[in-house]
Amino acid sequence: MGKGDIKTKRGKIFNGTFGVSRPHKVKAVPVEATKKKKTTAKKKASK
């Protein structure tokens, strides 16, 4: 197992590929983007 083995982390680094043994870094998502905006519109009372 070494540079030529694509199932190992070293082999992934050597080949420049990604996968289960060397996953991509996940970008952080801002907290505001994940929360749904609350609607504050009030219904008008009909007379």
PDB file of N, CA and C in Angstrom:
ATOM      1  N   MET A   1       0.848  -1.172   0.000  1.00  0.00           N
ATOM      2  CA  MET A   1       0.000   0.000   0.000  1.00  0.00           C
ATOM      3  C   MET A   1       0.894   1.237   0.000  1.00  0.00           C
ATOM      4  N   GLY A   2       0.681   2.063  -0.973  1.00  0.00           N
ATOM      5  CA  GLY A   2       1.521   3.256  -1.058  1.00  0.00           C
ATOM      6  C   GLY A   2       0.944   4.253  -2.020  1.00  0.00           C
ATOM      7  N   LYS A   3       1.840   4.892  -2.757  1.00  0.00           N
ATOM      8  CA  LYS A   3       1.423   5.970  -3.659  1.00  0.00           C
ATOM      9  C   LYS A   3       0.531   5.500  -4.798  1.00  0.00           C
ATOM     10  N   GLY A   4       0.702   4.274  -5.229  1.00  0.00           N
ATOM     11  CA  GLY A   4      -0.077   3.774  -6.359  1.00  0.00           C
ATOM     12  C   GLY A   4      -1.447   3.237  -5.964  1.00  0.00           C
ATOM     13  N   ASP A   5      -1.683   3.050  -4.665  1.00  0.00           N
ATOM     14  CA  ASP A   5      -2.944   2.464  -4.203  1.00  0.00           C
ATOM     15  C   ASP A   5      -3.985   3.571  -4.049  1.00  0.00           C
ATOM     16  N   ILE A   6      -5.005   3.562  -4.904  1.00  0.00           N
ATOM     17  CA  ILE A   6      -5.998   4.640  -4.886  1.00  0.00           C
ATOM     18  C   ILE A   6      -7.018   4.502  -3.768  1.00  0.00           C
ATOM     19  N   LYS A   7      -6.958   3.408  -2.992  1.00  0.00           N
ATOM     20  CA  LYS A   7      -7.889   3.231  -1.878  1.00  0.00           C
ATOM     21  C   LYS A   7      -7.335   3.783  -0.563  1.00  0.00           C
ATOM     22  N   THR A   8      -6.098   4.255  -0.562  1.00  0.00           N
ATOM     23  CA  THR A   8      -5.494   4.797   0.646  1.00  0.00           C
ATOM     24  C   THR A   8      -5.400   6.308   0.547  1.00  0.00           C
ATOM     25  N   LYS A   9      -5.232   6.953   1.692  1.00  0.00           N
ATOM     26  CA  LYS A   9      -5.117   8.410   1.729  1.00  0.00           C
ATOM     27  C   LYS A   9      -3.886   8.877   0.958  1.00  0.00           C
ATOM     28  N   ARG A  10      -2.775   8.172   1.125  1.00  0.00           N
ATOM     29  CA  ARG A  10      -1.531   8.549   0.425  1.00  0.00           C
ATOM     30  C   ARG A  10      -1.706   8.429  -1.086  1.00  0.00           C
ATOM     31  N   GLY A  11      -2.390   7.380  -1.523  1.00  0.00           N
ATOM     32  CA  GLY A  11      -2.639   7.205  -2.952  1.00  0.00           C
ATOM     33  C   GLY A  11      -3.548   8.287  -3.515  1.00  0.00           C
ATOM     34  N   LYS A  12      -4.526   8.714  -2.706  1.00  0.00           N
ATOM     35  CA  LYS A  12      -5.426   9.790  -3.135  1.00  0.00           C
ATOM     36  C   LYS A  12      -4.662  11.102  -3.275  1.00  0.00           C
ATOM     37  N   ILE A  13      -3.768  11.378  -2.311  1.00  0.00           N
ATOM     38  CA  ILE A  13      -2.975  12.611  -2.362  1.00  0.00           C
ATOM     39  C   ILE A  13      -2.059  12.576  -3.586  1.00  0.00           C
ATOM     40  N   PHE A  14      -1.428  11.433  -3.848  1.00  0.00           N
ATOM     41  CA  PHE A  14      -0.516  11.289  -4.978  1.00  0.00           C
ATOM     42  C   PHE A  14      -1.234  11.487  -6.302  1.00  0.00           C
ATOM     43  N   ASN A  15      -2.431  10.920  -6.432  1.00  0.00           N
ATOM     44  CA  ASN A  15      -3.198  11.032  -7.672  1.00  0.00           C
ATOM     45  C   ASN A  15      -3.979  12.333  -7.775  1.00  0.00           C
ATOM     46  N   GLY A  16      -4.130  13.062  -6.666  1.00  0.00           N
ATOM     47  CA  GLY A  16      -4.869  14.320  -6.686  1.00  0.00           C
ATOM     48  C   GLY A  16      -6.369  14.124  -6.757  1.00  0.00           C
ATOM     49  N   THR A  17      -6.859  13.006  -6.213  1.00  0.00           N
ATOM     50  CA  THR A  17      -8.292  12.728  -6.237  1.00  0.00           C
ATOM     51  C   THR A  17      -8.849  12.746  -4.822  1.00  0.00           C
ATOM     52  N   PHE A  18     -10.170  12.698  -4.732  1.00  0.00           N
ATOM     53  CA  PHE A  18     -10.853  12.699  -3.444  1.00  0.00           C
ATOM     54  C   PHE A  18     -11.784  11.504  -3.381  1.00  0.00           C
ATOM     55  N   GLY A  19     -12.200  11.153  -2.179  1.00  0.00           N
ATOM     56  CA  GLY A  19     -13.104  10.024  -2.011  1.00  0.00           C
ATOM     57  C   GLY A  19     -13.394   9.782  -0.552  1.00  0.00           C
ATOM     58  N   VAL A  20     -13.727   8.535  -0.205  1.00  0.00           N
ATOM     59  CA  VAL A  20     -14.091   8.175   1.162  1.00  0.00           C
ATOM     60  C   VAL A  20     -12.892   8.344   2.095  1.00  0.00           C
ATOM     61  N   SER A  21     -11.715   7.932   1.639  1.00  0.00           N
ATOM     62  CA  SER A  21     -10.532   8.004   2.487  1.00  0.00           C
ATOM     63  C   SER A  21      -9.949   9.415   2.574  1.00  0.00           C
ATOM     64  N   ARG A  22     -10.359  10.312   1.680  1.00  0.00           N
ATOM     65  CA  ARG A  22      -9.875  11.693   1.722  1.00  0.00           C
ATOM     66  C   ARG A  22     -10.988  12.625   1.240  1.00  0.00           C
ATOM     67  N   PRO A  23     -12.002  12.875   2.081  1.00  0.00           N
ATOM     68  CA  PRO A  23     -13.134  13.699   1.653  1.00  0.00           C
ATOM     69  C   PRO A  23     -12.770  15.176   1.555  1.00  0.00           C
ATOM     70  N   HIS A  24     -13.554  15.904   0.768  1.00  0.00           N
ATOM     71  CA  HIS A  24     -13.401  17.349   0.647  1.00  0.00           C
ATOM     72  C   HIS A  24     -13.783  18.011   1.957  1.00  0.00           C
ATOM     73  N   LYS A  25     -13.239  19.197   2.195  1.00  0.00           N
ATOM     74  CA  LYS A  25     -13.645  19.979   3.363  1.00  0.00           C
ATOM     75  C   LYS A  25     -14.988  20.627   3.054  1.00  0.00           C
ATOM     76  N   VAL A  26     -15.893  20.610   4.010  1.00  0.00           N
ATOM     77  CA  VAL A  26     -17.218  21.197   3.834  1.00  0.00           C
ATOM     78  C   VAL A  26     -17.150  22.659   4.232  1.00  0.00           C
ATOM     79  N   LYS A  27     -17.690  23.519   3.357  1.00  0.00           N
ATOM     80  CA  LYS A  27     -17.708  24.943   3.659  1.00  0.00           C
ATOM     81  C   LYS A  27     -18.739  25.227   4.747  1.00  0.00           C
ATOM     82  N   ALA A  28     -18.405  26.140   5.643  1.00  0.00           N
ATOM     83  CA  ALA A  28     -19.313  26.511   6.730  1.00  0.00           C
ATOM     84  C   ALA A  28     -20.427  27.388   6.172  1.00  0.00           C
ATOM     85  N   VAL A  29     -21.658  27.056   6.520  1.00  0.00           N
ATOM     86  CA  VAL A  29     -22.824  27.808   6.070  1.00  0.00           C
ATOM     87  C   VAL A  29     -23.216  28.771   7.187  1.00  0.00           C
ATOM     88  N   PRO A  30     -23.443  30.054   6.870  1.00  0.00           N
ATOM     89  CA  PRO A  30     -23.860  30.997   7.911  1.00  0.00           C
ATOM     90  C   PRO A  30     -25.154  30.572   8.579  1.00  0.00           C
ATOM     91  N   VAL A  31     -25.293  30.892   9.848  1.00  0.00           N
ATOM     92  CA  VAL A  31     -26.466  30.487  10.628  1.00  0.00           C
ATOM     93  C   VAL A  31     -27.730  31.145  10.082  1.00  0.00           C
ATOM     94  N   GLU A  32     -27.617  32.396   9.635  1.00  0.00           N
ATOM     95  CA  GLU A  32     -28.787  33.117   9.125  1.00  0.00           C
ATOM     96  C   GLU A  32     -29.370  32.452   7.887  1.00  0.00           C
ATOM     97  N   ALA A  33     -28.526  31.826   7.082  1.00  0.00           N
ATOM     98  CA  ALA A  33     -28.998  31.193   5.855  1.00  0.00           C
ATOM     99  C   ALA A  33     -29.784  29.918   6.151  1.00  0.00           C
ATOM    100  N   THR A  34     -29.512  29.275   7.274  1.00  0.00           N
ATOM    101  CA  THR A  34     -30.203  28.035   7.588  1.00  0.00           C
ATOM    102  C   THR A  34     -31.546  28.263   8.267  1.00  0.00           C
ATOM    103  N   LYS A  35     -31.700  29.396   8.939  1.00  0.00           N
ATOM    104  CA  LYS A  35     -32.957  29.683   9.627  1.00  0.00           C
ATOM    105  C   LYS A  35     -33.972  30.252   8.647  1.00  0.00           C
ATOM    106  N   LYS A  36     -35.217  29.852   8.810  1.00  0.00           N
ATOM    107  CA  LYS A  36     -36.284  30.402   7.984  1.00  0.00           C
ATOM    108  C   LYS A  36     -36.725  31.727   8.588  1.00  0.00           C
ATOM    109  N   LYS A  37     -37.031  32.665   7.704  1.00  0.00           N
ATOM    110  CA  LYS A  37     -37.485  33.972   8.176  1.00  0.00           C
ATOM    111  C   LYS A  37     -38.930  33.867   8.641  1.00  0.00           C
ATOM    112  N   LYS A  38     -39.195  34.449   9.790  1.00  0.00           N
ATOM    113  CA  LYS A  38     -40.551  34.439  10.323  1.00  0.00           C
ATOM    114  C   LYS A  38     -41.338  35.580   9.697  1.00  0.00           C
ATOM    115  N   THR A  39     -42.561  35.286   9.352  1.00  0.00           N
ATOM    116  CA  THR A  39     -43.411  36.326   8.778  1.00  0.00           C
ATOM    117  C   THR A  39     -44.130  37.030   9.918  1.00  0.00           C
ATOM    118  N   THR A  40     -44.046  38.349   9.929  1.00  0.00           N
ATOM    119  CA  THR A  40     -44.674  39.117  10.991  1.00  0.00           C
ATOM    120  C   THR A  40     -45.884  39.880  10.489  1.00  0.00           C
ATOM    121  N   ALA A  41     -46.330  39.512   9.293  1.00  0.00           N
ATOM    122  CA  ALA A  41     -47.490  40.196   8.739  1.00  0.00           C
ATOM    123  C   ALA A  41     -48.743  39.821   9.537  1.00  0.00           C
ATOM    124  N   LYS A  42     -49.442  40.818   9.966  1.00  0.00           N
ATOM    125  CA  LYS A  42     -50.670  40.594  10.735  1.00  0.00           C
ATOM    126  C   LYS A  42     -51.876  40.687   9.817  1.00  0.00           C
ATOM    127  N   LYS A  43     -52.823  39.808  10.062  1.00  0.00           N
ATOM    128  CA  LYS A  43     -54.034  39.830   9.261  1.00  0.00           C
ATOM    129  C   LYS A  43     -54.936  40.961   9.744  1.00  0.00           C
ATOM    130  N   LYS A  44     -55.518  41.663   8.770  1.00  0.00           N
ATOM    131  CA  LYS A  44     -56.425  42.754   9.140  1.00  0.00           C
ATOM    132  C   LYS A  44     -57.786  42.160   9.517  1.00  0.00           C
ATOM    133  N   ALA A  45     -58.327  42.651  10.610  1.00  0.00           N
ATOM    134  CA  ALA A  45     -59.617  42.171  11.067  1.00  0.00           C
ATOM    135  C   ALA A  45     -60.723  42.803  10.219  1.00  0.00           C
ATOM    136  N   SER A  46     -61.580  41.944   9.692  1.00  0.00           N
ATOM    137  CA  SER A  46     -62.688  42.470   8.880  1.00  0.00           C
ATOM    138  C   SER A  46     -63.831  42.875   9.800  1.00  0.00           C
ATOM    139  N   LYS A  47     -64.458  44.009   9.483  1.00  0.00           N
ATOM    140  CA  LYS A  47     -65.539  44.539  10.328  1.00  0.00           C
ATOM    141  C   LYS A  47     -66.891  44.188   9.784  1.00  0.00           C
TER     142      LYS A  47
END
